[in-house]
Structure formats: structure tokens, C-alpha cells
Amino acid sequence: MTIRKVPMRTCVACTTTRPKKELVRVVRTVEGQLLLDRRGKVSGRGAYLCPSLECVEKALKSHRLERALEVPLTQELVEELRRIDEATV
């Protein structure tokens, strides 16, 4: 039996490395649309966040998500991010 490696990702706000499934992925699609990718399968440029309001607010205040995704965030996405909590993942 082979042991599979758990994919790890880093939160853009707190820079904590956690398993990919524990983080929320925000993606900019090829068409330029911004959305939350709950399954981690959407094609495009992604950035990861811890599912806590503290990390979301830190990422928004410091514009780290905008830099990682290379586009300004939409108001709808900001509102959706602020509704994130531990139950989301």
C-alpha cells in the first residue's frame, strides 16, 4: 500500500500552511470571472484563505487577494467572503 501525500497550500492572509481541503480557494477564471471554488477544481488562477473571518478581513484590508489574483475584487465576492466560517469547508 502506498501512502499518498496530502496537498498543502498557504493562506494568503496569515501565511499558515494547511492541507488544501481545509482552505477556501478564490479563483480568477480564464474569462476573468472571480468566484469561490469550494471543490478546488475550477480552472484558473487561485489563491487560498483560511475559512475564518479574521483571515478574510486581513486579506481584504491588505489587498493580498487582489495581488495574488492580479485583479480588483468585486463587491459580490467580498460579501461572499465575509460570510465564510469554519462550517464552509
N, C-alpha and C. Protein backbone atom coordinates (compact mmCIF):
# COMPACT_ATOMS: atom_id res chain seq x y z
N MET A 1 0.84 -1.18 0.00
CA MET A 1 0.00 0.00 0.00
C MET A 1 0.89 1.25 0.00
N THR A 2 0.59 2.19 -0.89
CA THR A 2 1.35 3.43 -0.94
C THR A 2 0.63 4.53 -0.17
N ILE A 3 1.40 5.33 0.49
CA ILE A 3 0.84 6.45 1.25
C ILE A 3 0.86 7.68 0.35
N ARG A 4 -0.31 8.30 0.20
CA ARG A 4 -0.42 9.48 -0.66
C ARG A 4 -0.06 10.73 0.13
N LYS A 5 0.64 11.64 -0.54
CA LYS A 5 0.97 12.90 0.08
C LYS A 5 -0.26 13.79 0.08
N VAL A 6 -0.47 14.51 1.19
CA VAL A 6 -1.59 15.44 1.30
C VAL A 6 -1.15 16.76 0.68
N PRO A 7 -1.89 17.28 -0.32
CA PRO A 7 -1.50 18.56 -0.91
C PRO A 7 -1.65 19.69 0.10
N MET A 8 -0.61 20.49 0.25
CA MET A 8 -0.60 21.59 1.20
C MET A 8 -0.64 22.91 0.44
N ARG A 9 -1.34 23.90 1.01
CA ARG A 9 -1.42 25.24 0.44
C ARG A 9 -1.23 26.26 1.55
N THR A 10 -0.86 27.49 1.16
CA THR A 10 -0.61 28.55 2.13
C THR A 10 -1.69 29.61 2.04
N CYS A 11 -2.22 30.01 3.17
CA CYS A 11 -3.21 31.08 3.25
C CYS A 11 -2.52 32.40 2.89
N VAL A 12 -3.13 33.19 2.00
CA VAL A 12 -2.52 34.46 1.60
C VAL A 12 -2.56 35.50 2.71
N ALA A 13 -3.43 35.33 3.69
CA ALA A 13 -3.55 36.31 4.77
C ALA A 13 -2.57 36.03 5.92
N CYS A 14 -2.63 34.84 6.48
CA CYS A 14 -1.82 34.53 7.67
C CYS A 14 -0.57 33.73 7.35
N THR A 15 -0.41 33.32 6.11
CA THR A 15 0.73 32.52 5.61
C THR A 15 0.91 31.18 6.34
N THR A 16 -0.16 30.66 6.91
CA THR A 16 -0.13 29.34 7.53
C THR A 16 -0.30 28.28 6.45
N THR A 17 0.52 27.25 6.48
CA THR A 17 0.39 26.15 5.54
C THR A 17 -0.52 25.09 6.14
N ARG A 18 -1.57 24.76 5.39
CA ARG A 18 -2.56 23.78 5.84
C ARG A 18 -2.92 22.86 4.67
N PRO A 19 -3.53 21.71 4.96
CA PRO A 19 -3.99 20.86 3.86
C PRO A 19 -4.98 21.62 2.97
N LYS A 20 -4.87 21.38 1.68
CA LYS A 20 -5.69 22.08 0.68
C LYS A 20 -7.18 22.02 1.00
N LYS A 21 -7.67 20.90 1.48
CA LYS A 21 -9.10 20.73 1.74
C LYS A 21 -9.59 21.59 2.91
N GLU A 22 -8.69 22.06 3.76
CA GLU A 22 -9.08 22.90 4.91
C GLU A 22 -9.17 24.38 4.54
N LEU A 23 -8.74 24.73 3.35
CA LEU A 23 -8.73 26.14 2.92
C LEU A 23 -9.81 26.40 1.88
N VAL A 24 -10.14 27.67 1.72
CA VAL A 24 -11.11 28.11 0.72
C VAL A 24 -10.32 28.69 -0.45
N ARG A 25 -10.64 28.27 -1.66
CA ARG A 25 -9.95 28.77 -2.84
C ARG A 25 -10.78 29.84 -3.52
N VAL A 26 -10.13 30.96 -3.80
CA VAL A 26 -10.74 32.03 -4.59
C VAL A 26 -10.04 31.97 -5.94
N VAL A 27 -10.81 31.94 -7.01
CA VAL A 27 -10.21 31.74 -8.33
C VAL A 27 -10.64 32.83 -9.30
N ARG A 28 -9.70 33.22 -10.17
CA ARG A 28 -9.99 34.09 -11.32
C ARG A 28 -9.96 33.18 -12.53
N THR A 29 -11.11 33.00 -13.15
CA THR A 29 -11.20 32.10 -14.29
C THR A 29 -10.51 32.71 -15.51
N VAL A 30 -10.36 31.90 -16.54
CA VAL A 30 -9.75 32.35 -17.78
C VAL A 30 -10.53 33.52 -18.38
N GLU A 31 -11.86 33.52 -18.15
CA GLU A 31 -12.71 34.60 -18.67
C GLU A 31 -12.63 35.86 -17.81
N GLY A 32 -11.93 35.79 -16.67
CA GLY A 32 -11.79 36.95 -15.80
C GLY A 32 -12.81 37.03 -14.68
N GLN A 33 -13.65 36.01 -14.56
CA GLN A 33 -14.68 35.98 -13.52
C GLN A 33 -14.05 35.57 -12.19
N LEU A 34 -14.47 36.20 -11.09
CA LEU A 34 -13.99 35.85 -9.76
C LEU A 34 -15.06 35.04 -9.04
N LEU A 35 -14.65 33.92 -8.42
CA LEU A 35 -15.61 33.12 -7.68
C LEU A 35 -14.93 32.27 -6.62
N LEU A 36 -15.73 31.81 -5.66
CA LEU A 36 -15.24 30.88 -4.65
C LEU A 36 -15.30 29.49 -5.24
N ASP A 37 -14.21 28.77 -5.13
CA ASP A 37 -14.12 27.41 -5.66
C ASP A 37 -14.10 26.46 -4.48
N ARG A 38 -15.26 25.98 -4.09
CA ARG A 38 -15.37 25.13 -2.91
C ARG A 38 -14.78 23.73 -3.12
N ARG A 39 -14.75 23.25 -4.35
CA ARG A 39 -14.22 21.91 -4.62
C ARG A 39 -12.76 21.92 -5.05
N GLY A 40 -12.24 23.08 -5.43
CA GLY A 40 -10.84 23.18 -5.84
C GLY A 40 -10.56 22.66 -7.23
N LYS A 41 -11.57 22.64 -8.09
CA LYS A 41 -11.42 22.06 -9.42
C LYS A 41 -11.53 23.07 -10.57
N VAL A 42 -11.96 24.30 -10.28
CA VAL A 42 -12.17 25.29 -11.33
C VAL A 42 -10.83 25.71 -11.92
N SER A 43 -10.78 25.77 -13.24
CA SER A 43 -9.57 26.17 -13.93
C SER A 43 -9.35 27.68 -13.80
N GLY A 44 -8.14 28.07 -13.52
CA GLY A 44 -7.82 29.49 -13.41
C GLY A 44 -6.79 29.76 -12.34
N ARG A 45 -6.51 31.03 -12.12
CA ARG A 45 -5.53 31.44 -11.11
C ARG A 45 -6.20 31.45 -9.74
N GLY A 46 -5.61 30.74 -8.79
CA GLY A 46 -6.24 30.61 -7.48
C GLY A 46 -5.42 31.18 -6.35
N ALA A 47 -6.10 31.52 -5.27
CA ALA A 47 -5.47 31.95 -4.03
C ALA A 47 -6.25 31.29 -2.89
N TYR A 48 -5.57 30.93 -1.84
CA TYR A 48 -6.19 30.19 -0.74
C TYR A 48 -6.29 31.03 0.51
N LEU A 49 -7.40 30.83 1.25
CA LEU A 49 -7.65 31.53 2.50
C LEU A 49 -8.12 30.54 3.56
N CYS A 50 -7.73 30.79 4.80
CA CYS A 50 -8.30 30.03 5.92
C CYS A 50 -9.78 30.40 6.01
N PRO A 51 -10.64 29.47 6.39
CA PRO A 51 -12.08 29.78 6.47
C PRO A 51 -12.45 30.50 7.75
N SER A 52 -11.73 31.57 8.06
CA SER A 52 -12.03 32.35 9.26
C SER A 52 -12.22 33.81 8.87
N LEU A 53 -13.11 34.48 9.57
CA LEU A 53 -13.38 35.88 9.28
C LEU A 53 -12.12 36.72 9.51
N GLU A 54 -11.31 36.33 10.47
CA GLU A 54 -10.07 37.06 10.75
C GLU A 54 -9.14 37.07 9.54
N CYS A 55 -8.94 35.92 8.92
CA CYS A 55 -8.08 35.84 7.74
C CYS A 55 -8.70 36.55 6.54
N VAL A 56 -10.01 36.44 6.39
CA VAL A 56 -10.69 37.13 5.28
C VAL A 56 -10.50 38.63 5.41
N GLU A 57 -10.74 39.17 6.60
CA GLU A 57 -10.59 40.62 6.80
C GLU A 57 -9.15 41.07 6.61
N LYS A 58 -8.19 40.27 7.07
CA LYS A 58 -6.78 40.61 6.90
C LYS A 58 -6.40 40.64 5.42
N ALA A 59 -6.89 39.66 4.66
CA ALA A 59 -6.60 39.59 3.22
C ALA A 59 -7.23 40.76 2.48
N LEU A 60 -8.45 41.15 2.89
CA LEU A 60 -9.13 42.27 2.23
C LEU A 60 -8.45 43.60 2.56
N LYS A 61 -8.11 43.79 3.83
CA LYS A 61 -7.51 45.05 4.27
C LYS A 61 -6.14 45.27 3.64
N SER A 62 -5.35 44.21 3.52
CA SER A 62 -4.00 44.35 2.97
C SER A 62 -3.94 44.16 1.45
N HIS A 63 -5.09 43.90 0.82
CA HIS A 63 -5.20 43.70 -0.64
C HIS A 63 -4.38 42.50 -1.13
N ARG A 64 -4.15 41.53 -0.26
CA ARG A 64 -3.36 40.36 -0.65
C ARG A 64 -4.07 39.49 -1.68
N LEU A 65 -5.39 39.39 -1.57
CA LEU A 65 -6.13 38.60 -2.57
C LEU A 65 -6.05 39.27 -3.94
N GLU A 66 -6.20 40.58 -3.96
CA GLU A 66 -6.13 41.29 -5.24
C GLU A 66 -4.77 41.12 -5.91
N ARG A 67 -3.71 41.17 -5.11
CA ARG A 67 -2.37 40.97 -5.66
C ARG A 67 -2.19 39.55 -6.15
N ALA A 68 -2.66 38.58 -5.38
CA ALA A 68 -2.49 37.17 -5.77
C ALA A 68 -3.27 36.84 -7.04
N LEU A 69 -4.47 37.42 -7.17
CA LEU A 69 -5.32 37.14 -8.33
C LEU A 69 -5.08 38.10 -9.49
N GLU A 70 -4.35 39.19 -9.22
CA GLU A 70 -3.99 40.19 -10.22
C GLU A 70 -5.18 40.92 -10.81
N VAL A 71 -6.27 41.04 -10.04
CA VAL A 71 -7.45 41.81 -10.45
C VAL A 71 -8.11 42.40 -9.20
N PRO A 72 -8.84 43.53 -9.34
CA PRO A 72 -9.59 44.04 -8.19
C PRO A 72 -10.77 43.11 -7.88
N LEU A 73 -11.11 43.01 -6.59
CA LEU A 73 -12.21 42.14 -6.17
C LEU A 73 -13.56 42.82 -6.43
N THR A 74 -14.56 42.01 -6.74
CA THR A 74 -15.91 42.53 -6.91
C THR A 74 -16.59 42.63 -5.55
N GLN A 75 -17.57 43.51 -5.44
CA GLN A 75 -18.30 43.67 -4.18
C GLN A 75 -19.04 42.38 -3.81
N GLU A 76 -19.56 41.66 -4.80
CA GLU A 76 -20.26 40.41 -4.53
C GLU A 76 -19.33 39.38 -3.90
N LEU A 77 -18.09 39.29 -4.42
CA LEU A 77 -17.13 38.34 -3.88
C LEU A 77 -16.74 38.73 -2.46
N VAL A 78 -16.55 40.01 -2.20
CA VAL A 78 -16.20 40.48 -0.86
C VAL A 78 -17.29 40.09 0.13
N GLU A 79 -18.55 40.30 -0.25
CA GLU A 79 -19.67 39.94 0.62
C GLU A 79 -19.73 38.43 0.86
N GLU A 80 -19.47 37.64 -0.19
CA GLU A 80 -19.48 36.19 -0.06
C GLU A 80 -18.33 35.72 0.85
N LEU A 81 -17.17 36.35 0.73
CA LEU A 81 -16.03 36.01 1.58
C LEU A 81 -16.32 36.31 3.04
N ARG A 82 -17.01 37.41 3.30
CA ARG A 82 -17.31 37.79 4.69
C ARG A 82 -18.31 36.84 5.34
N ARG A 83 -19.02 36.04 4.53
CA ARG A 83 -19.97 35.08 5.09
C ARG A 83 -19.30 33.73 5.38
N ILE A 84 -18.02 33.62 5.09
CA ILE A 84 -17.28 32.37 5.31
C ILE A 84 -17.10 32.12 6.81
N ASP A 85 -17.23 30.88 7.18
CA ASP A 85 -16.87 30.48 8.55
C ASP A 85 -16.36 29.03 8.49
N GLU A 86 -16.02 28.49 9.60
CA GLU A 86 -15.43 27.13 9.65
C GLU A 86 -16.35 26.07 9.05
N ALA A 87 -17.66 26.29 9.06
CA ALA A 87 -18.60 25.31 8.54
C ALA A 87 -18.59 25.24 7.01
N THR A 88 -17.98 26.22 6.37
CA THR A 88 -17.98 26.31 4.91
C THR A 88 -17.20 25.16 4.28
N VAL A 89 -16.10 24.80 4.88
CA VAL A 89 -15.21 23.81 4.27
C VAL A 89 -15.65 22.41 4.60
